[in-house]
C-alpha atoms as a PDB file:
ATOM      1  CA  GLN A   1       9.093  -2.558  17.057  1.00  0.00           C
ATOM      2  CA  VAL A   2       6.311  -1.942  14.598  1.00  0.00           C
ATOM      3  CA  GLN A   3       3.988  -4.593  13.219  1.00  0.00           C
ATOM      4  CA  LEU A   4       2.113  -4.200   9.949  1.00  0.00           C
ATOM      5  CA  VAL A   5      -0.612  -6.568   8.766  1.00  0.00           C
ATOM      6  CA  GLU A   6      -2.147  -6.213   5.304  1.00  0.00           C
ATOM      7  CA  SER A   7      -5.558  -7.430   4.201  1.00  0.00           C
ATOM      8  CA  GLY A   8      -7.980  -6.931   1.351  1.00  0.00           C
ATOM      9  CA  GLY A   9      -6.205  -8.576  -1.539  1.00  0.00           C
ATOM     10  CA  GLY A  10      -7.939 -10.959  -3.895  1.00  0.00           C
ATOM     11  CA  LEU A  11      -9.014 -11.689  -7.432  1.00  0.00           C
ATOM     12  CA  VAL A  12     -10.817  -9.000  -9.393  1.00  0.00           C
ATOM     13  CA  GLN A  13     -11.672  -8.429 -13.033  1.00  0.00           C
ATOM     14  CA  ALA A  14     -10.078  -5.642 -14.993  1.00  0.00           C
ATOM     15  CA  GLY A  15     -11.884  -2.371 -14.341  1.00  0.00           C
ATOM     16  CA  GLY A  16     -12.855  -3.441 -10.850  1.00  0.00           C
ATOM     17  CA  SER A  17     -11.842  -2.070  -7.461  1.00  0.00           C
ATOM     18  CA  LEU A  18     -10.239  -3.282  -4.268  1.00  0.00           C
ATOM     19  CA  ARG A  19      -9.340  -1.624  -0.999  1.00  0.00           C
ATOM     20  CA  LEU A  20      -6.263  -2.784   0.832  1.00  0.00           C
ATOM     21  CA  SER A  21      -5.869  -2.214   4.554  1.00  0.00           C
ATOM     22  CA  CYS A  22      -2.776  -2.140   6.722  1.00  0.00           C
ATOM     23  CA  ALA A  23      -3.216  -2.404  10.484  1.00  0.00           C
ATOM     24  CA  VAL A  24      -0.383  -0.860  12.480  1.00  0.00           C
ATOM     25  CA  SER A  25       0.662  -1.763  16.014  1.00  0.00           C
ATOM     26  CA  GLY A  26       3.672  -1.400  18.254  1.00  0.00           C
ATOM     27  CA  SER A  27       5.961   1.623  18.578  1.00  0.00           C
ATOM     28  CA  ILE A  28       4.057   3.837  16.173  1.00  0.00           C
ATOM     29  CA  ARG A  29       5.545   7.086  17.514  1.00  0.00           C
ATOM     30  CA  SER A  30       8.530   6.529  15.220  1.00  0.00           C
ATOM     31  CA  ILE A  31       6.301   6.466  12.152  1.00  0.00           C
ATOM     32  CA  ASN A  32       5.844   9.579  10.046  1.00  0.00           C
ATOM     33  CA  THR A  33       5.466   7.995   6.629  1.00  0.00           C
ATOM     34  CA  MET A  34       3.503   5.002   5.468  1.00  0.00           C
ATOM     35  CA  GLY A  35       3.261   3.543   2.043  1.00  0.00           C
ATOM     36  CA  TRP A  36       2.474   0.692  -0.280  1.00  0.00           C
ATOM     37  CA  TYR A  37       4.887  -1.174  -2.476  1.00  0.00           C
ATOM     38  CA  ARG A  38       4.225  -3.980  -4.896  1.00  0.00           C
ATOM     39  CA  GLN A  39       6.193  -6.755  -6.507  1.00  0.00           C
ATOM     40  CA  ALA A  40       5.033  -8.554  -9.603  1.00  0.00           C
ATOM     41  CA  PRO A  41       6.473 -11.947 -10.618  1.00  0.00           C
ATOM     42  CA  GLY A  42       9.947 -11.527 -12.043  1.00  0.00           C
ATOM     43  CA  LYS A  43      10.056  -7.818 -11.289  1.00  0.00           C
ATOM     44  CA  GLN A  44      11.610  -5.623  -8.637  1.00  0.00           C
ATOM     45  CA  ARG A  45       9.603  -4.225  -5.781  1.00  0.00           C
ATOM     46  CA  GLU A  46       8.313  -0.756  -6.613  1.00  0.00           C
ATOM     47  CA  LEU A  47       6.713   2.090  -4.717  1.00  0.00           C
ATOM     48  CA  VAL A  48       3.009   2.458  -5.401  1.00  0.00           C
ATOM     49  CA  ALA A  49       2.103   5.265  -3.029  1.00  0.00           C
ATOM     50  CA  ALA A  50       3.321   6.813   0.202  1.00  0.00           C
ATOM     51  CA  GLU A  51       1.988   9.467   2.527  1.00  0.00           C
ATOM     52  CA  THR A  52       3.430  11.440   5.432  1.00  0.00           C
ATOM     53  CA  SER A  53       1.526  12.174   8.610  1.00  0.00           C
ATOM     54  CA  GLY A  54       1.186  15.732   7.312  1.00  0.00           C
ATOM     55  CA  GLY A  55      -0.739  14.508   4.299  1.00  0.00           C
ATOM     56  CA  SER A  56       1.932  14.836   1.623  1.00  0.00           C
ATOM     57  CA  ALA A  57       1.495  11.956  -0.812  1.00  0.00           C
ATOM     58  CA  ASN A  58       3.500  10.488  -3.673  1.00  0.00           C
ATOM     59  CA  TYR A  59       2.173   8.109  -6.301  1.00  0.00           C
ATOM     60  CA  ALA A  60       3.789   6.039  -9.001  1.00  0.00           C
ATOM     61  CA  ASP A  61       2.919   7.437 -12.420  1.00  0.00           C
ATOM     62  CA  SER A  62       1.291   4.153 -13.353  1.00  0.00           C
ATOM     63  CA  VAL A  63      -1.359   4.469 -10.630  1.00  0.00           C
ATOM     64  CA  LYS A  64      -2.017   8.226 -10.534  1.00  0.00           C
ATOM     65  CA  GLY A  65      -5.705   8.938 -10.887  1.00  0.00           C
ATOM     66  CA  ARG A  66      -6.638   5.345 -10.080  1.00  0.00           C
ATOM     67  CA  PHE A  67      -5.229   4.647  -6.605  1.00  0.00           C
ATOM     68  CA  THR A  68      -5.687   6.677  -3.433  1.00  0.00           C
ATOM     69  CA  ILE A  69      -3.734   6.305  -0.212  1.00  0.00           C
ATOM     70  CA  SER A  70      -5.313   7.314   3.079  1.00  0.00           C
ATOM     71  CA  ARG A  71      -5.191   6.579   6.781  1.00  0.00           C
ATOM     72  CA  ASP A  72      -7.476   6.438   9.782  1.00  0.00           C
ATOM     73  CA  ASN A  73      -5.346   7.418  12.768  1.00  0.00           C
ATOM     74  CA  ALA A  74      -8.006   6.420  15.271  1.00  0.00           C
ATOM     75  CA  LYS A  75      -8.082   2.909  13.827  1.00  0.00           C
ATOM     76  CA  LYS A  76      -4.300   2.891  13.259  1.00  0.00           C
ATOM     77  CA  THR A  77      -4.954   1.699   9.757  1.00  0.00           C
ATOM     78  CA  GLN A  78      -3.682   2.717   6.343  1.00  0.00           C
ATOM     79  CA  TYR A  79      -5.666   2.121   3.187  1.00  0.00           C
ATOM     80  CA  LEU A  80      -5.020   1.871  -0.516  1.00  0.00           C
ATOM     81  CA  GLN A  81      -8.138   2.313  -2.622  1.00  0.00           C
ATOM     82  CA  MET A  82      -7.527   0.858  -6.053  1.00  0.00           C
ATOM     83  CA  ASN A  83      -9.962   1.659  -8.853  1.00  0.00           C
ATOM     84  CA  ASN A  84     -10.005   0.775 -12.548  1.00  0.00           C
ATOM     85  CA  LEU A  85      -7.610  -2.082 -11.930  1.00  0.00           C
ATOM     86  CA  LYS A  86      -5.583  -3.429 -14.812  1.00  0.00           C
ATOM     87  CA  PRO A  87      -3.923  -6.823 -15.319  1.00  0.00           C
ATOM     88  CA  GLU A  88      -0.533  -5.127 -14.939  1.00  0.00           C
ATOM     89  CA  ASP A  89      -1.516  -4.210 -11.374  1.00  0.00           C
ATOM     90  CA  THR A  90      -1.262  -7.890 -10.467  1.00  0.00           C
ATOM     91  CA  ALA A  91       1.337  -8.203  -7.713  1.00  0.00           C
ATOM     92  CA  VAL A  92       1.939  -8.816  -4.044  1.00  0.00           C
ATOM     93  CA  TYR A  93       1.255  -5.545  -2.264  1.00  0.00           C
ATOM     94  CA  TYR A  94       3.260  -4.693   0.829  1.00  0.00           C
ATOM     95  CA  CYS A  95       2.572  -2.136   3.506  1.00  0.00           C
ATOM     96  CA  SER A  96       5.591  -0.196   4.710  1.00  0.00           C
ATOM     97  CA  ALA A  97       6.252   2.404   7.382  1.00  0.00           C
ATOM     98  CA  GLY A  98       9.023   4.517   8.841  1.00  0.00           C
ATOM     99  CA  PRO A  99      10.208   7.998   9.744  1.00  0.00           C
ATOM    100  CA  ALA A 100      10.478   9.330   6.184  1.00  0.00           C
ATOM    101  CA  PHE A 101       9.895   8.571   2.485  1.00  0.00           C
ATOM    102  CA  TYR A 102      13.525   7.472   2.164  1.00  0.00           C
ATOM    103  CA  SER A 103      13.517   5.432   5.367  1.00  0.00           C
ATOM    104  CA  MET A 104      10.686   2.939   5.764  1.00  0.00           C
ATOM    105  CA  PRO A 105      12.236  -0.084   7.448  1.00  0.00           C
ATOM    106  CA  TYR A 106       9.040  -1.744   8.636  1.00  0.00           C
ATOM    107  CA  TRP A 107       7.221  -4.166   6.342  1.00  0.00           C
ATOM    108  CA  GLY A 108       4.152  -6.353   6.313  1.00  0.00           C
ATOM    109  CA  LYS A 109       4.096  -9.819   4.806  1.00  0.00           C
ATOM    110  CA  GLY A 110       2.090  -8.759   1.786  1.00  0.00           C
ATOM    111  CA  THR A 111      -1.278  -9.426   0.234  1.00  0.00           C
ATOM    112  CA  LEU A 112      -1.808 -10.769  -3.273  1.00  0.00           C
ATOM    113  CA  VAL A 113      -3.830  -8.818  -5.817  1.00  0.00           C
ATOM    114  CA  THR A 114      -4.700 -10.583  -9.042  1.00  0.00           C
ATOM    115  CA  VAL A 115      -6.443  -8.730 -11.865  1.00  0.00           C
ATOM    116  CA  SER A 116      -7.922 -10.868 -14.624  1.00  0.00           C
ATOM    117  CA  LEU A 117      -8.998  -9.861 -18.100  1.00  0.00           C
END
């Protein structure tokens, strides 16, 4: 089993920055890809960014140039640096992990990001 615990969410004004963290524990040998999803009220969960262990990253068009995904393998932690935040970025952000982009069955419980005007 794999456990994922997010942190770093909060309230920020538009134009501000936040860094989300995702601590990973458990059977991490099965993990090749980690990512971040988000779900805004009344909307479906969507992929924000994902990265393989080889460094190949995908980003949603809406966050390209503003968000950066990274990881610290020694700390077993994944990060999502979010800059120039907009009110439409308001959502619960979830950390996810698995063997591939199309197979990430492990999920954290989420952390709330609220961006005010």
